[in-house]
Structures are given as structure tokens and as C-alpha cells.
Amino acid sequence: MNSPEPSSWQRAVLPLLLLQELSTGPAHGYALGRAIAERGFAPLKGATLYPALARLEESGLVSTHWEQGEGGPGRKVYEISSAGRRELESLSAAWATFAARVG
């Protein structure tokens, strides 16, 4: 299902969406993209998803480790950090304020 809003909106809230998903537990990139799509957002292309995850990692909001693949290559697993949890709280509050002003 494609979302009706402009794709620029989804890109703008992507860090918030990723942190929300990671707050429920560690996940690899494909699972994160799939979970966001299942919430009704447009499917994420790797060229959008992985740079966003890299920025979160560079900012210290997520940590990563490699998980051995079963019969295939390993995969990078992302986990929210304590700084990421604080950022999630901050972004969620800012989003609620913003949405209230728009609505």
C-alpha cells in the first residue's frame, strides 16, 4: 500500500520512524523497512533506508553488530542506544507539537 502523502514527508520523519521501530528491539535493515511499510508508509528503497540508518549510527543513536547468516551472508543488526531513546522521546514530543499546529 502506498501512502497518499508526499514522499518528502516520509523522508523527513524517517529517523523518528526508525527509532520507534528499534525501541521494540534490535532489527536488521530489511526488517525495519518492512515494518515501516506495514504501518502504511511507502516501501523504502535501500538508497533511502541505509543512509538514514548510517546517520543514526554516526550520531550515536543506534549501535550495530553483525549477525551470522544462516546459509547466506551475515547481516548488520541495529539497536537503539540510550541516547537514541532520549532522542526518540524528544522527536516524539516535537512531532506531537508540530502535528497539533498543523491539525
PDB file of N, CA and C in Angstrom:
ATOM      1  N   MET A   1       0.846  -1.175   0.000  1.00  0.00           N
ATOM      2  CA  MET A   1       0.000   0.000   0.000  1.00  0.00           C
ATOM      3  C   MET A   1       0.890   1.235   0.000  1.00  0.00           C
ATOM      4  N   ASN A   2       0.660   2.129  -0.934  1.00  0.00           N
ATOM      5  CA  ASN A   2       1.415   3.376  -0.974  1.00  0.00           C
ATOM      6  C   ASN A   2       0.683   4.428  -0.176  1.00  0.00           C
ATOM      7  N   SER A   3       1.453   5.226   0.528  1.00  0.00           N
ATOM      8  CA  SER A   3       0.835   6.264   1.336  1.00  0.00           C
ATOM      9  C   SER A   3       0.478   7.458   0.451  1.00  0.00           C
ATOM     10  N   PRO A   4      -0.597   8.169   0.791  1.00  0.00           N
ATOM     11  CA  PRO A   4      -1.061   9.270  -0.039  1.00  0.00           C
ATOM     12  C   PRO A   4      -0.255  10.565   0.135  1.00  0.00           C
ATOM     13  N   GLU A   5       0.500  10.669   1.201  1.00  0.00           N
ATOM     14  CA  GLU A   5       1.251  11.910   1.436  1.00  0.00           C
ATOM     15  C   GLU A   5       2.509  11.956   0.568  1.00  0.00           C
ATOM     16  N   PRO A   6       3.038  13.157   0.362  1.00  0.00           N
ATOM     17  CA  PRO A   6       4.274  13.288  -0.428  1.00  0.00           C
ATOM     18  C   PRO A   6       5.427  12.501   0.198  1.00  0.00           C
ATOM     19  N   SER A   7       6.259  11.920  -0.634  1.00  0.00           N
ATOM     20  CA  SER A   7       7.377  11.110  -0.133  1.00  0.00           C
ATOM     21  C   SER A   7       8.342  11.934   0.717  1.00  0.00           C
ATOM     22  N   SER A   8       8.398  13.242   0.484  1.00  0.00           N
ATOM     23  CA  SER A   8       9.291  14.094   1.278  1.00  0.00           C
ATOM     24  C   SER A   8       8.877  14.099   2.753  1.00  0.00           C
ATOM     25  N   TRP A   9       7.591  13.917   3.028  1.00  0.00           N
ATOM     26  CA  TRP A   9       7.140  13.850   4.422  1.00  0.00           C
ATOM     27  C   TRP A   9       7.700  12.610   5.092  1.00  0.00           C
ATOM     28  N   GLN A  10       7.642  11.491   4.389  1.00  0.00           N
ATOM     29  CA  GLN A  10       8.155  10.243   4.955  1.00  0.00           C
ATOM     30  C   GLN A  10       9.657  10.343   5.195  1.00  0.00           C
ATOM     31  N   ARG A  11      10.383  10.915   4.247  1.00  0.00           N
ATOM     32  CA  ARG A  11      11.834  11.074   4.438  1.00  0.00           C
ATOM     33  C   ARG A  11      12.126  11.957   5.638  1.00  0.00           C
ATOM     34  N   ALA A  12      11.304  12.984   5.849  1.00  0.00           N
ATOM     35  CA  ALA A  12      11.532  13.904   6.963  1.00  0.00           C
ATOM     36  C   ALA A  12      11.343  13.229   8.318  1.00  0.00           C
ATOM     37  N   VAL A  13      10.403  12.300   8.413  1.00  0.00           N
ATOM     38  CA  VAL A  13      10.139  11.632   9.697  1.00  0.00           C
ATOM     39  C   VAL A  13      10.823  10.270   9.799  1.00  0.00           C
ATOM     40  N   LEU A  14      11.633   9.909   8.805  1.00  0.00           N
ATOM     41  CA  LEU A  14      12.273   8.605   8.812  1.00  0.00           C
ATOM     42  C   LEU A  14      13.104   8.341  10.071  1.00  0.00           C
ATOM     43  N   PRO A  15      13.908   9.284  10.567  1.00  0.00           N
ATOM     44  CA  PRO A  15      14.637   8.998  11.812  1.00  0.00           C
ATOM     45  C   PRO A  15      13.691   8.654  12.968  1.00  0.00           C
ATOM     46  N   LEU A  16      12.600   9.369  13.077  1.00  0.00           N
ATOM     47  CA  LEU A  16      11.614   9.080  14.124  1.00  0.00           C
ATOM     48  C   LEU A  16      11.033   7.683  13.927  1.00  0.00           C
ATOM     49  N   LEU A  17      10.654   7.344  12.707  1.00  0.00           N
ATOM     50  CA  LEU A  17      10.080   6.014  12.427  1.00  0.00           C
ATOM     51  C   LEU A  17      11.071   4.899  12.750  1.00  0.00           C
ATOM     52  N   LEU A  18      12.327   5.085  12.363  1.00  0.00           N
ATOM     53  CA  LEU A  18      13.335   4.062  12.625  1.00  0.00           C
ATOM     54  C   LEU A  18      13.575   3.891  14.121  1.00  0.00           C
ATOM     55  N   LEU A  19      13.670   4.999  14.841  1.00  0.00           N
ATOM     56  CA  LEU A  19      13.869   4.905  16.292  1.00  0.00           C
ATOM     57  C   LEU A  19      12.662   4.260  16.966  1.00  0.00           C
ATOM     58  N   GLN A  20      11.458   4.584  16.490  1.00  0.00           N
ATOM     59  CA  GLN A  20      10.262   3.938  17.049  1.00  0.00           C
ATOM     60  C   GLN A  20      10.338   2.433  16.862  1.00  0.00           C
ATOM     61  N   GLU A  21      10.675   1.990  15.663  1.00  0.00           N
ATOM     62  CA  GLU A  21      10.752   0.556  15.397  1.00  0.00           C
ATOM     63  C   GLU A  21      11.840  -0.099  16.243  1.00  0.00           C
ATOM     64  N   LEU A  22      12.992   0.552  16.361  1.00  0.00           N
ATOM     65  CA  LEU A  22      14.090  -0.026  17.130  1.00  0.00           C
ATOM     66  C   LEU A  22      13.825  -0.009  18.630  1.00  0.00           C
ATOM     67  N   SER A  23      12.905   0.825  19.082  1.00  0.00           N
ATOM     68  CA  SER A  23      12.583   0.856  20.514  1.00  0.00           C
ATOM     69  C   SER A  23      11.912  -0.440  20.960  1.00  0.00           C
ATOM     70  N   THR A  24      11.415  -1.231  20.006  1.00  0.00           N
ATOM     71  CA  THR A  24      10.782  -2.508  20.338  1.00  0.00           C
ATOM     72  C   THR A  24      11.779  -3.659  20.332  1.00  0.00           C
ATOM     73  N   GLY A  25      12.998  -3.409  19.842  1.00  0.00           N
ATOM     74  CA  GLY A  25      14.030  -4.439  19.843  1.00  0.00           C
ATOM     75  C   GLY A  25      14.933  -4.312  18.637  1.00  0.00           C
ATOM     76  N   PRO A  26      16.089  -4.983  18.687  1.00  0.00           N
ATOM     77  CA  PRO A  26      17.043  -4.923  17.586  1.00  0.00           C
ATOM     78  C   PRO A  26      16.443  -5.496  16.297  1.00  0.00           C
ATOM     79  N   ALA A  27      16.922  -4.996  15.164  1.00  0.00           N
ATOM     80  CA  ALA A  27      16.427  -5.475  13.872  1.00  0.00           C
ATOM     81  C   ALA A  27      17.450  -5.169  12.790  1.00  0.00           C
ATOM     82  N   HIS A  28      17.376  -5.936  11.715  1.00  0.00           N
ATOM     83  CA  HIS A  28      18.226  -5.648  10.558  1.00  0.00           C
ATOM     84  C   HIS A  28      17.458  -4.719   9.620  1.00  0.00           C
ATOM     85  N   GLY A  29      18.161  -4.133   8.682  1.00  0.00           N
ATOM     86  CA  GLY A  29      17.583  -3.111   7.812  1.00  0.00           C
ATOM     87  C   GLY A  29      16.342  -3.552   7.055  1.00  0.00           C
ATOM     88  N   TYR A  30      16.391  -4.750   6.476  1.00  0.00           N
ATOM     89  CA  TYR A  30      15.240  -5.224   5.703  1.00  0.00           C
ATOM     90  C   TYR A  30      13.992  -5.307   6.584  1.00  0.00           C
ATOM     91  N   ALA A  31      14.145  -5.829   7.801  1.00  0.00           N
ATOM     92  CA  ALA A  31      13.003  -5.945   8.719  1.00  0.00           C
ATOM     93  C   ALA A  31      12.472  -4.567   9.104  1.00  0.00           C
ATOM     94  N   LEU A  32      13.364  -3.609   9.274  1.00  0.00           N
ATOM     95  CA  LEU A  32      12.926  -2.252   9.602  1.00  0.00           C
ATOM     96  C   LEU A  32      12.120  -1.653   8.455  1.00  0.00           C
ATOM     97  N   GLY A  33      12.618  -1.807   7.240  1.00  0.00           N
ATOM     98  CA  GLY A  33      11.893  -1.292   6.076  1.00  0.00           C
ATOM     99  C   GLY A  33      10.526  -1.940   5.937  1.00  0.00           C
ATOM    100  N   ARG A  34      10.481  -3.245   6.146  1.00  0.00           N
ATOM    101  CA  ARG A  34       9.214  -3.972   6.051  1.00  0.00           C
ATOM    102  C   ARG A  34       8.224  -3.521   7.141  1.00  0.00           C
ATOM    103  N   ALA A  35       8.714  -3.335   8.367  1.00  0.00           N
ATOM    104  CA  ALA A  35       7.841  -2.899   9.471  1.00  0.00           C
ATOM    105  C   ALA A  35       7.265  -1.514   9.201  1.00  0.00           C
ATOM    106  N   ILE A  36       8.066  -0.624   8.644  1.00  0.00           N
ATOM    107  CA  ILE A  36       7.582   0.722   8.324  1.00  0.00           C
ATOM    108  C   ILE A  36       6.532   0.652   7.216  1.00  0.00           C
ATOM    109  N   ALA A  37       6.771  -0.188   6.211  1.00  0.00           N
ATOM    110  CA  ALA A  37       5.782  -0.356   5.136  1.00  0.00           C
ATOM    111  C   ALA A  37       4.480  -0.951   5.673  1.00  0.00           C
ATOM    112  N   GLU A  38       4.587  -1.873   6.619  1.00  0.00           N
ATOM    113  CA  GLU A  38       3.389  -2.479   7.213  1.00  0.00           C
ATOM    114  C   GLU A  38       2.562  -1.475   8.005  1.00  0.00           C
ATOM    115  N   ARG A  39       3.183  -0.376   8.407  1.00  0.00           N
ATOM    116  CA  ARG A  39       2.459   0.690   9.107  1.00  0.00           C
ATOM    117  C   ARG A  39       1.703   1.594   8.139  1.00  0.00           C
ATOM    118  N   GLY A  40       1.835   1.319   6.830  1.00  0.00           N
ATOM    119  CA  GLY A  40       1.093   2.084   5.836  1.00  0.00           C
ATOM    120  C   GLY A  40       1.920   3.095   5.075  1.00  0.00           C
ATOM    121  N   PHE A  41       3.225   3.125   5.326  1.00  0.00           N
ATOM    122  CA  PHE A  41       4.101   4.036   4.605  1.00  0.00           C
ATOM    123  C   PHE A  41       4.546   3.395   3.302  1.00  0.00           C
ATOM    124  N   ALA A  42       4.994   4.218   2.384  1.00  0.00           N
ATOM    125  CA  ALA A  42       5.512   3.717   1.110  1.00  0.00           C
ATOM    126  C   ALA A  42       6.735   2.843   1.379  1.00  0.00           C
ATOM    127  N   PRO A  43       6.923   1.796   0.594  1.00  0.00           N
ATOM    128  CA  PRO A  43       8.116   0.958   0.765  1.00  0.00           C
ATOM    129  C   PRO A  43       9.386   1.793   0.631  1.00  0.00           C
ATOM    130  N   LEU A  44      10.355   1.510   1.496  1.00  0.00           N
ATOM    131  CA  LEU A  44      11.612   2.252   1.486  1.00  0.00           C
ATOM    132  C   LEU A  44      12.607   1.592   0.554  1.00  0.00           C
ATOM    133  N   LYS A  45      13.258   2.393  -0.249  1.00  0.00           N
ATOM    134  CA  LYS A  45      14.348   1.900  -1.089  1.00  0.00           C
ATOM    135  C   LYS A  45      15.609   1.848  -0.228  1.00  0.00           C
ATOM    136  N   GLY A  46      16.481   0.921  -0.556  1.00  0.00           N
ATOM    137  CA  GLY A  46      17.743   0.812   0.171  1.00  0.00           C
ATOM    138  C   GLY A  46      18.541   2.104   0.155  1.00  0.00           C
ATOM    139  N   ALA A  47      18.445   2.849  -0.946  1.00  0.00           N
ATOM    140  CA  ALA A  47      19.189   4.112  -1.075  1.00  0.00           C
ATOM    141  C   ALA A  47      18.659   5.185  -0.126  1.00  0.00           C
ATOM    142  N   THR A  48      17.484   4.977   0.433  1.00  0.00           N
ATOM    143  CA  THR A  48      16.923   5.895   1.431  1.00  0.00           C
ATOM    144  C   THR A  48      17.137   5.336   2.836  1.00  0.00           C
ATOM    145  N   LEU A  49      16.857   4.051   3.003  1.00  0.00           N
ATOM    146  CA  LEU A  49      16.905   3.407   4.314  1.00  0.00           C
ATOM    147  C   LEU A  49      18.304   3.346   4.904  1.00  0.00           C
ATOM    148  N   TYR A  50      19.256   2.806   4.155  1.00  0.00           N
ATOM    149  CA  TYR A  50      20.575   2.550   4.732  1.00  0.00           C
ATOM    150  C   TYR A  50      21.380   3.814   5.038  1.00  0.00           C
ATOM    151  N   PRO A  51      21.305   4.864   4.222  1.00  0.00           N
ATOM    152  CA  PRO A  51      21.967   6.107   4.633  1.00  0.00           C
ATOM    153  C   PRO A  51      21.341   6.702   5.905  1.00  0.00           C
ATOM    154  N   ALA A  52      20.023   6.566   6.063  1.00  0.00           N
ATOM    155  CA  ALA A  52      19.365   7.070   7.279  1.00  0.00           C
ATOM    156  C   ALA A  52      19.851   6.292   8.498  1.00  0.00           C
ATOM    157  N   LEU A  53      19.973   4.973   8.357  1.00  0.00           N
ATOM    158  CA  LEU A  53      20.491   4.162   9.461  1.00  0.00           C
ATOM    159  C   LEU A  53      21.945   4.512   9.764  1.00  0.00           C
ATOM    160  N   ALA A  54      22.733   4.764   8.727  1.00  0.00           N
ATOM    161  CA  ALA A  54      24.139   5.140   8.923  1.00  0.00           C
ATOM    162  C   ALA A  54      24.242   6.465   9.679  1.00  0.00           C
ATOM    163  N   ARG A  55      23.362   7.410   9.360  1.00  0.00           N
ATOM    164  CA  ARG A  55      23.374   8.697  10.078  1.00  0.00           C
ATOM    165  C   ARG A  55      23.010   8.498  11.549  1.00  0.00           C
ATOM    166  N   LEU A  56      22.039   7.640  11.821  1.00  0.00           N
ATOM    167  CA  LEU A  56      21.675   7.355  13.217  1.00  0.00           C
ATOM    168  C   LEU A  56      22.848   6.712  13.954  1.00  0.00           C
ATOM    169  N   GLU A  57      23.549   5.825  13.268  1.00  0.00           N
ATOM    170  CA  GLU A  57      24.714   5.177  13.878  1.00  0.00           C
ATOM    171  C   GLU A  57      25.829   6.189  14.129  1.00  0.00           C
ATOM    172  N   GLU A  58      26.122   7.028  13.139  1.00  0.00           N
ATOM    173  CA  GLU A  58      27.170   8.044  13.283  1.00  0.00           C
ATOM    174  C   GLU A  58      26.856   9.022  14.407  1.00  0.00           C
ATOM    175  N   SER A  59      25.572   9.264  14.645  1.00  0.00           N
ATOM    176  CA  SER A  59      25.146  10.187  15.702  1.00  0.00           C
ATOM    177  C   SER A  59      25.116   9.525  17.073  1.00  0.00           C
ATOM    178  N   GLY A  60      25.374   8.221  17.124  1.00  0.00           N
ATOM    179  CA  GLY A  60      25.366   7.512  18.399  1.00  0.00           C
ATOM    180  C   GLY A  60      23.968   7.154  18.886  1.00  0.00           C
ATOM    181  N   LEU A  61      22.972   7.266  18.001  1.00  0.00           N
ATOM    182  CA  LEU A  61      21.592   6.976  18.397  1.00  0.00           C
ATOM    183  C   LEU A  61      21.262   5.493  18.255  1.00  0.00           C
ATOM    184  N   VAL A  62      22.033   4.780  17.447  1.00  0.00           N
ATOM    185  CA  VAL A  62      21.912   3.328  17.339  1.00  0.00           C
ATOM    186  C   VAL A  62      23.306   2.721  17.351  1.00  0.00           C
ATOM    187  N   SER A  63      23.371   1.484  17.805  1.00  0.00           N
ATOM    188  CA  SER A  63      24.614   0.718  17.712  1.00  0.00           C
ATOM    189  C   SER A  63      24.347  -0.443  16.773  1.00  0.00           C
ATOM    190  N   THR A  64      25.415  -1.067  16.304  1.00  0.00           N
ATOM    191  CA  THR A  64      25.256  -2.166  15.356  1.00  0.00           C
ATOM    192  C   THR A  64      26.166  -3.322  15.727  1.00  0.00           C
ATOM    193  N   HIS A  65      25.792  -4.483  15.257  1.00  0.00           N
ATOM    194  CA  HIS A  65      26.656  -5.656  15.307  1.00  0.00           C
ATOM    195  C   HIS A  65      26.285  -6.551  14.134  1.00  0.00           C
ATOM    196  N   TRP A  66      27.196  -7.445  13.789  1.00  0.00           N
ATOM    197  CA  TRP A  66      26.949  -8.364  12.679  1.00  0.00           C
ATOM    198  C   TRP A  66      26.432  -9.677  13.225  1.00  0.00           C
ATOM    199  N   GLU A  67      25.426 -10.190  12.555  1.00  0.00           N
ATOM    200  CA  GLU A  67      24.821 -11.463  12.927  1.00  0.00           C
ATOM    201  C   GLU A  67      25.150 -12.471  11.824  1.00  0.00           C
ATOM    202  N   GLN A  68      25.552 -13.646  12.226  1.00  0.00           N
ATOM    203  CA  GLN A  68      25.878 -14.690  11.256  1.00  0.00           C
ATOM    204  C   GLN A  68      24.630 -15.078  10.475  1.00  0.00           C
ATOM    205  N   GLY A  69      24.750 -15.160   9.164  1.00  0.00           N
ATOM    206  CA  GLY A  69      23.631 -15.561   8.326  1.00  0.00           C
ATOM    207  C   GLY A  69      23.483 -17.075   8.309  1.00  0.00           C
ATOM    208  N   GLU A  70      22.272 -17.546   8.193  1.00  0.00           N
ATOM    209  CA  GLU A  70      22.022 -18.984   8.094  1.00  0.00           C
ATOM    210  C   GLU A  70      22.036 -19.374   6.618  1.00  0.00           C
ATOM    211  N   GLY A  71      23.144 -19.961   6.182  1.00  0.00           N
ATOM    212  CA  GLY A  71      23.252 -20.375   4.796  1.00  0.00           C
ATOM    213  C   GLY A  71      23.473 -19.223   3.831  1.00  0.00           C
ATOM    214  N   GLY A  72      23.733 -18.048   4.329  1.00  0.00           N
ATOM    215  CA  GLY A  72      23.955 -16.886   3.476  1.00  0.00           C
ATOM    216  C   GLY A  72      24.882 -15.913   4.168  1.00  0.00           C
ATOM    217  N   PRO A  73      24.999 -14.737   3.608  1.00  0.00           N
ATOM    218  CA  PRO A  73      25.886 -13.746   4.217  1.00  0.00           C
ATOM    219  C   PRO A  73      25.329 -13.245   5.551  1.00  0.00           C
ATOM    220  N   GLY A  74      26.209 -12.726   6.379  1.00  0.00           N
ATOM    221  CA  GLY A  74      25.786 -12.130   7.635  1.00  0.00           C
ATOM    222  C   GLY A  74      25.014 -10.851   7.363  1.00  0.00           C
ATOM    223  N   ARG A  75      24.413 -10.327   8.407  1.00  0.00           N
ATOM    224  CA  ARG A  75      23.682  -9.068   8.236  1.00  0.00           C
ATOM    225  C   ARG A  75      23.914  -8.171   9.443  1.00  0.00           C
ATOM    226  N   LYS A  76      23.839  -6.900   9.180  1.00  0.00           N
ATOM    227  CA  LYS A  76      24.041  -5.885  10.199  1.00  0.00           C
ATOM    228  C   LYS A  76      22.743  -5.734  10.985  1.00  0.00           C
ATOM    229  N   VAL A  77      22.854  -5.756  12.302  1.00  0.00           N
ATOM    230  CA  VAL A  77      21.689  -5.606  13.172  1.00  0.00           C
ATOM    231  C   VAL A  77      21.829  -4.284  13.910  1.00  0.00           C
ATOM    232  N   TYR A  78      20.741  -3.532  13.944  1.00  0.00           N
ATOM    233  CA  TYR A  78      20.704  -2.209  14.563  1.00  0.00           C
ATOM    234  C   TYR A  78      19.976  -2.292  15.894  1.00  0.00           C
ATOM    235  N   GLU A  79      20.475  -1.528  16.880  1.00  0.00           N
ATOM    236  CA  GLU A  79      19.853  -1.492  18.202  1.00  0.00           C
ATOM    237  C   GLU A  79      19.867  -0.052  18.709  1.00  0.00           C
ATOM    238  N   ILE A  80      18.759   0.386  19.268  1.00  0.00           N
ATOM    239  CA  ILE A  80      18.686   1.758  19.777  1.00  0.00           C
ATOM    240  C   ILE A  80      19.586   1.890  21.009  1.00  0.00           C
ATOM    241  N   SER A  81      20.265   3.019  21.127  1.00  0.00           N
ATOM    242  CA  SER A  81      21.127   3.290  22.283  1.00  0.00           C
ATOM    243  C   SER A  81      20.350   4.135  23.298  1.00  0.00           C
ATOM    244  N   SER A  82      20.962   4.362  24.461  1.00  0.00           N
ATOM    245  CA  SER A  82      20.283   5.223  25.446  1.00  0.00           C
ATOM    246  C   SER A  82      20.109   6.634  24.888  1.00  0.00           C
ATOM    247  N   ALA A  83      21.115   7.110  24.153  1.00  0.00           N
ATOM    248  CA  ALA A  83      20.973   8.432  23.516  1.00  0.00           C
ATOM    249  C   ALA A  83      19.842   8.390  22.492  1.00  0.00           C
ATOM    250  N   GLY A  84      19.682   7.269  21.801  1.00  0.00           N
ATOM    251  CA  GLY A  84      18.603   7.110  20.834  1.00  0.00           C
ATOM    252  C   GLY A  84      17.239   7.129  21.509  1.00  0.00           C
ATOM    253  N   ARG A  85      17.140   6.532  22.684  1.00  0.00           N
ATOM    254  CA  ARG A  85      15.865   6.558  23.433  1.00  0.00           C
ATOM    255  C   ARG A  85      15.518   7.985  23.849  1.00  0.00           C
ATOM    256  N   ARG A  86      16.528   8.726  24.277  1.00  0.00           N
ATOM    257  CA  ARG A  86      16.290  10.143  24.639  1.00  0.00           C
ATOM    258  C   ARG A  86      15.871  10.944  23.407  1.00  0.00           C
ATOM    259  N   GLU A  87      16.538  10.682  22.288  1.00  0.00           N
ATOM    260  CA  GLU A  87      16.197  11.378  21.048  1.00  0.00           C
ATOM    261  C   GLU A  87      14.794  11.003  20.594  1.00  0.00           C
ATOM    262  N   LEU A  88      14.413   9.748  20.759  1.00  0.00           N
ATOM    263  CA  LEU A  88      13.061   9.306  20.408  1.00  0.00           C
ATOM    264  C   LEU A  88      12.023  10.060  21.231  1.00  0.00           C
ATOM    265  N   GLU A  89      12.260  10.214  22.519  1.00  0.00           N
ATOM    266  CA  GLU A  89      11.338  10.986  23.365  1.00  0.00           C
ATOM    267  C   GLU A  89      11.233  12.423  22.874  1.00  0.00           C
ATOM    268  N   SER A  90      12.376  13.016  22.571  1.00  0.00           N
ATOM    269  CA  SER A  90      12.408  14.406  22.110  1.00  0.00           C
ATOM    270  C   SER A  90      11.692  14.568  20.766  1.00  0.00           C
ATOM    271  N   LEU A  91      12.002  13.682  19.813  1.00  0.00           N
ATOM    272  CA  LEU A  91      11.372  13.759  18.494  1.00  0.00           C
ATOM    273  C   LEU A  91       9.867  13.501  18.574  1.00  0.00           C
ATOM    274  N   SER A  92       9.468  12.570  19.433  1.00  0.00           N
ATOM    275  CA  SER A  92       8.039  12.271  19.585  1.00  0.00           C
ATOM    276  C   SER A  92       7.291  13.477  20.127  1.00  0.00           C
ATOM    277  N   ALA A  93       7.869  14.148  21.103  1.00  0.00           N
ATOM    278  CA  ALA A  93       7.242  15.345  21.668  1.00  0.00           C
ATOM    279  C   ALA A  93       7.183  16.463  20.620  1.00  0.00           C
ATOM    280  N   ALA A  94       8.269  16.648  19.887  1.00  0.00           N
ATOM    281  CA  ALA A  94       8.297  17.676  18.850  1.00  0.00           C
ATOM    282  C   ALA A  94       7.276  17.364  17.760  1.00  0.00           C
ATOM    283  N   TRP A  95       7.147  16.082  17.390  1.00  0.00           N
ATOM    284  CA  TRP A  95       6.189  15.692  16.373  1.00  0.00           C
ATOM    285  C   TRP A  95       4.763  15.974  16.848  1.00  0.00           C
ATOM    286  N   ALA A  96       4.452  15.654  18.108  1.00  0.00           N
ATOM    287  CA  ALA A  96       3.104  15.889  18.637  1.00  0.00           C
ATOM    288  C   ALA A  96       2.771  17.377  18.587  1.00  0.00           C
ATOM    289  N   THR A  97       3.728  18.224  18.936  1.00  0.00           N
ATOM    290  CA  THR A  97       3.513  19.668  18.887  1.00  0.00           C
ATOM    291  C   THR A  97       3.302  20.134  17.457  1.00  0.00           C
ATOM    292  N   PHE A  98       4.139  19.653  16.559  1.00  0.00           N
ATOM    293  CA  PHE A  98       4.043  20.021  15.152  1.00  0.00           C
ATOM    294  C   PHE A  98       2.705  19.583  14.568  1.00  0.00           C
ATOM    295  N   ALA A  99       2.310  18.329  14.802  1.00  0.00           N
ATOM    296  CA  ALA A  99       1.055  17.797  14.276  1.00  0.00           C
ATOM    297  C   ALA A  99      -0.135  18.571  14.817  1.00  0.00           C
ATOM    298  N   ALA A 100      -0.079  18.985  16.062  1.00  0.00           N
ATOM    299  CA  ALA A 100      -1.168  19.765  16.653  1.00  0.00           C
ATOM    300  C   ALA A 100      -1.288  21.129  15.964  1.00  0.00           C
ATOM    301  N   ARG A 101      -0.154  21.743  15.641  1.00  0.00           N
ATOM    302  CA  ARG A 101      -0.178  23.038  14.959  1.00  0.00           C
ATOM    303  C   ARG A 101      -0.716  22.898  13.540  1.00  0.00           C
ATOM    304  N   VAL A 102      -0.376  21.788  12.875  1.00  0.00           N
ATOM    305  CA  VAL A 102      -0.851  21.563  11.509  1.00  0.00           C
ATOM    306  C   VAL A 102      -2.342  21.274  11.538  1.00  0.00           C
ATOM    307  N   GLY A 103      -2.767  20.428  12.487  1.00  0.00           N
ATOM    308  CA  GLY A 103      -4.156  19.993  12.556  1.00  0.00           C
ATOM    309  C   GLY A 103      -5.060  21.065  13.046  1.00  0.00           C
TER     310      GLY A 103
END
